[in-house]
C-alpha atoms as a PDB file:
ATOM      1  CA  MET A   1     105.018 110.693 108.502  1.00  0.00           C
ATOM      2  CA  THR A   2     107.363 109.090 110.900  1.00  0.00           C
ATOM      3  CA  ILE A   3     107.676 105.319 111.629  1.00  0.00           C
ATOM      4  CA  GLY A   4     106.510 106.051 114.812  1.00  0.00           C
ATOM      5  CA  GLU A   5     103.545 107.932 113.590  1.00  0.00           C
ATOM      6  CA  ALA A   6     102.662 105.078 110.994  1.00  0.00           C
ATOM      7  CA  LEU A   7     103.153 102.422 113.656  1.00  0.00           C
ATOM      8  CA  LYS A   8     100.659 104.015 115.934  1.00  0.00           C
ATOM      9  CA  SER A   9      97.989 104.807 113.047  1.00  0.00           C
ATOM     10  CA  LEU A  10      98.503 100.977 111.818  1.00  0.00           C
ATOM     11  CA  ARG A  11      98.064  99.738 115.690  1.00  0.00           C
ATOM     12  CA  LEU A  12      94.997 102.024 116.303  1.00  0.00           C
ATOM     13  CA  HIS A  13      93.264 100.995 113.072  1.00  0.00           C
ATOM     14  CA  ALA A  14      93.684  97.305 114.023  1.00  0.00           C
ATOM     15  CA  GLY A  15      92.755  97.966 117.415  1.00  0.00           C
ATOM     16  CA  MET A  16      95.634  97.054 119.039  1.00  0.00           C
ATOM     17  CA  THR A  17      97.356  98.014 122.303  1.00  0.00           C
ATOM     18  CA  GLN A  18     100.962  98.784 122.418  1.00  0.00           C
ATOM     19  CA  THR A  19     101.528  95.623 124.457  1.00  0.00           C
ATOM     20  CA  GLU A  20      99.711  93.618 121.516  1.00  0.00           C
ATOM     21  CA  MET A  21     101.810  95.471 119.024  1.00  0.00           C
ATOM     22  CA  ALA A  22     105.148  94.695 120.441  1.00  0.00           C
ATOM     23  CA  ALA A  23     104.220  91.176 120.646  1.00  0.00           C
ATOM     24  CA  GLY A  24     107.036  90.222 122.855  1.00  0.00           C
ATOM     25  CA  ILE A  25     109.615  91.181 120.254  1.00  0.00           C
ATOM     26  CA  VAL A  26     110.333  94.576 122.121  1.00  0.00           C
ATOM     27  CA  THR A  27     109.044  95.563 125.360  1.00  0.00           C
ATOM     28  CA  GLU A  28     105.990  97.754 125.614  1.00  0.00           C
ATOM     29  CA  SER A  29     108.082 100.578 126.926  1.00  0.00           C
ATOM     30  CA  PHE A  30     110.599 100.553 124.184  1.00  0.00           C
ATOM     31  CA  TYR A  31     107.635 100.434 121.749  1.00  0.00           C
ATOM     32  CA  SER A  32     105.975 103.178 123.365  1.00  0.00           C
ATOM     33  CA  LYS A  33     109.011 105.383 122.797  1.00  0.00           C
ATOM     34  CA  VAL A  34     109.090 104.311 119.108  1.00  0.00           C
ATOM     35  CA  GLU A  35     105.699 105.331 118.496  1.00  0.00           C
ATOM     36  CA  ARG A  36     106.529 108.601 120.298  1.00  0.00           C
ATOM     37  CA  GLY A  37     109.689 109.237 118.281  1.00  0.00           C
ATOM     38  CA  VAL A  38     111.998 109.017 121.319  1.00  0.00           C
ATOM     39  CA  HIS A  39     113.712 106.043 120.374  1.00  0.00           C
ATOM     40  CA  ALA A  40     114.600 104.559 116.550  1.00  0.00           C
ATOM     41  CA  ILE A  41     113.713 101.178 115.772  1.00  0.00           C
ATOM     42  CA  ASP A  42     116.039  98.506 114.010  1.00  0.00           C
ATOM     43  CA  ALA A  43     114.611  97.804 110.578  1.00  0.00           C
ATOM     44  CA  ASN A  44     114.794  94.179 110.972  1.00  0.00           C
ATOM     45  CA  VAL A  45     112.917  94.378 114.406  1.00  0.00           C
ATOM     46  CA  LEU A  46     110.404  96.575 112.708  1.00  0.00           C
ATOM     47  CA  ILE A  47     109.757  93.981 110.118  1.00  0.00           C
ATOM     48  CA  GLN A  48     109.532  91.245 112.560  1.00  0.00           C
ATOM     49  CA  ILE A  49     106.646  93.223 114.410  1.00  0.00           C
ATOM     50  CA  LEU A  50     104.919  93.992 111.093  1.00  0.00           C
ATOM     51  CA  GLU A  51     105.058  90.234 109.886  1.00  0.00           C
ATOM     52  CA  LYS A  52     104.022  88.916 113.309  1.00  0.00           C
ATOM     53  CA  HIS A  53     100.649  90.699 112.753  1.00  0.00           C
ATOM     54  CA  HIS A  54     100.423  90.020 109.004  1.00  0.00           C
ATOM     55  CA  PHE A  55     100.772  93.609 108.345  1.00  0.00           C
ATOM     56  CA  ASP A  56     102.095  94.206 104.727  1.00  0.00           C
ATOM     57  CA  VAL A  57     105.785  95.427 105.031  1.00  0.00           C
ATOM     58  CA  THR A  58     105.947  97.086 101.534  1.00  0.00           C
ATOM     59  CA  ASN A  59     102.693  98.755 102.130  1.00  0.00           C
ATOM     60  CA  PHE A  60     103.910 100.096 105.542  1.00  0.00           C
ATOM     61  CA  PHE A  61     106.980 101.637 103.972  1.00  0.00           C
ATOM     62  CA  GLU A  62     105.015 103.160 101.005  1.00  0.00           C
ATOM     63  CA  GLN A  63     102.707 104.813 103.536  1.00  0.00           C
ATOM     64  CA  ILE A  64     105.653 106.382 105.260  1.00  0.00           C
ATOM     65  CA  SER A  65     107.620 107.655 102.239  1.00  0.00           C
ATOM     66  CA  ASN A  66     104.559 109.014 100.279  1.00  0.00           C
ATOM     67  CA  GLN A  67     102.137 110.122 102.895  1.00  0.00           C
ATOM     68  CA  GLN A  68     101.850 113.742 103.336  1.00  0.00           C
ATOM     69  CA  SER A  69      99.456 113.550 106.079  1.00  0.00           C
ATOM     70  CA  THR A  70      99.556 112.396 109.727  1.00  0.00           C
ATOM     71  CA  GLU A  71      95.891 111.087 109.066  1.00  0.00           C
ATOM     72  CA  PRO A  72      95.676 107.367 108.790  1.00  0.00           C
ATOM     73  CA  HIS A  73      94.703 106.305 105.281  1.00  0.00           C
ATOM     74  CA  PHE A  74      94.915 102.751 104.232  1.00  0.00           C
ATOM     75  CA  ASN A  75      95.081 101.473 100.673  1.00  0.00           C
ATOM     76  CA  LEU A  76      92.504  98.782  99.536  1.00  0.00           C
ATOM     77  CA  ALA A  77      94.888  95.935  99.556  1.00  0.00           C
ATOM     78  CA  GLY A  78      95.570  96.955 103.448  1.00  0.00           C
ATOM     79  CA  ASP A  79      91.952  96.837 104.340  1.00  0.00           C
ATOM     80  CA  ILE A  80      91.236  93.670 102.522  1.00  0.00           C
ATOM     81  CA  THR A  81      94.398  91.790 104.056  1.00  0.00           C
ATOM     82  CA  TYR A  82      93.429  93.168 107.665  1.00  0.00           C
ATOM     83  CA  ALA A  83      89.828  91.966 107.108  1.00  0.00           C
ATOM     84  CA  GLN A  84      91.024  88.546 105.828  1.00  0.00           C
ATOM     85  CA  ASN A  85      93.372  88.156 108.604  1.00  0.00           C
ATOM     86  CA  ASN A  86      90.538  88.946 111.298  1.00  0.00           C
ATOM     87  CA  LYS A  87      88.111  86.689 109.414  1.00  0.00           C
ATOM     88  CA  ASP A  88      86.097  89.914 109.227  1.00  0.00           C
ATOM     89  CA  LEU A  89      83.350  89.080 106.662  1.00  0.00           C
ATOM     90  CA  ALA A  90      81.224  92.017 107.443  1.00  0.00           C
ATOM     91  CA  THR A  91      84.037  94.490 106.598  1.00  0.00           C
ATOM     92  CA  LEU A  92      84.954  92.340 103.521  1.00  0.00           C
ATOM     93  CA  ASP A  93      81.353  92.634 102.464  1.00  0.00           C
ATOM     94  CA  LYS A  94      81.567  96.457 103.260  1.00  0.00           C
ATOM     95  CA  ILE A  95      84.733  96.531 100.867  1.00  0.00           C
ATOM     96  CA  LYS A  96      82.902  94.583  98.079  1.00  0.00           C
ATOM     97  CA  GLN A  97      79.917  96.631  98.093  1.00  0.00           C
ATOM     98  CA  LYS A  98      82.012 100.097  97.898  1.00  0.00           C
ATOM     99  CA  ILE A  99      84.222  98.443  94.951  1.00  0.00           C
ATOM    100  CA  GLU A 100      80.795  97.580  92.997  1.00  0.00           C
ATOM    101  CA  VAL A 101      79.794 101.140  93.542  1.00  0.00           C
ATOM    102  CA  GLY A 102      83.048 102.780  92.584  1.00  0.00           C
ATOM    103  CA  GLU A 103      83.962 104.157  95.796  1.00  0.00           C
ATOM    104  CA  GLY A 104      86.901 101.942  96.610  1.00  0.00           C
ATOM    105  CA  THR A 105      88.713 102.456  93.358  1.00  0.00           C
ATOM    106  CA  PRO A 106      92.209 100.481  94.123  1.00  0.00           C
ATOM    107  CA  ARG A 107      94.638 103.369  94.436  1.00  0.00           C
ATOM    108  CA  TYR A 108      97.345 104.358  96.877  1.00  0.00           C
ATOM    109  CA  GLY A 109      95.876 105.984  99.810  1.00  0.00           C
ATOM    110  CA  SER A 110      92.442 105.290  99.193  1.00  0.00           C
ATOM    111  CA  ASN A 111      90.305 105.526 102.490  1.00  0.00           C
ATOM    112  CA  LEU A 112      87.412 103.387 102.334  1.00  0.00           C
ATOM    113  CA  GLY A 113      85.867 104.885 105.743  1.00  0.00           C
ATOM    114  CA  LEU A 114      85.523 101.345 107.260  1.00  0.00           C
ATOM    115  CA  ASN A 115      85.606 102.656 110.832  1.00  0.00           C
END
């Protein structure tokens, strides 16, 4: 998975537009080209974008280095962090229920099917 593919997957999972994801840190045009693999992105700028949206930077890089598929799979910690940042109590309740029945085993790459 490329950085651009991972950014796009993360952005879509968060329900954000490219303009929102670029967050005034880079232009929407530049960001779009990063997602498509036309432009490379500086590591510092990438980290700024991830931190601006409260995405777990370490998890992002783990996704890139460990993921074999281009399908979006987000781990339990990432799902919880995203729901907490958005004060999404309904999603947090779903996560809790899945954990209680053993579906959300905390392991890398778990997909809780929250969408």
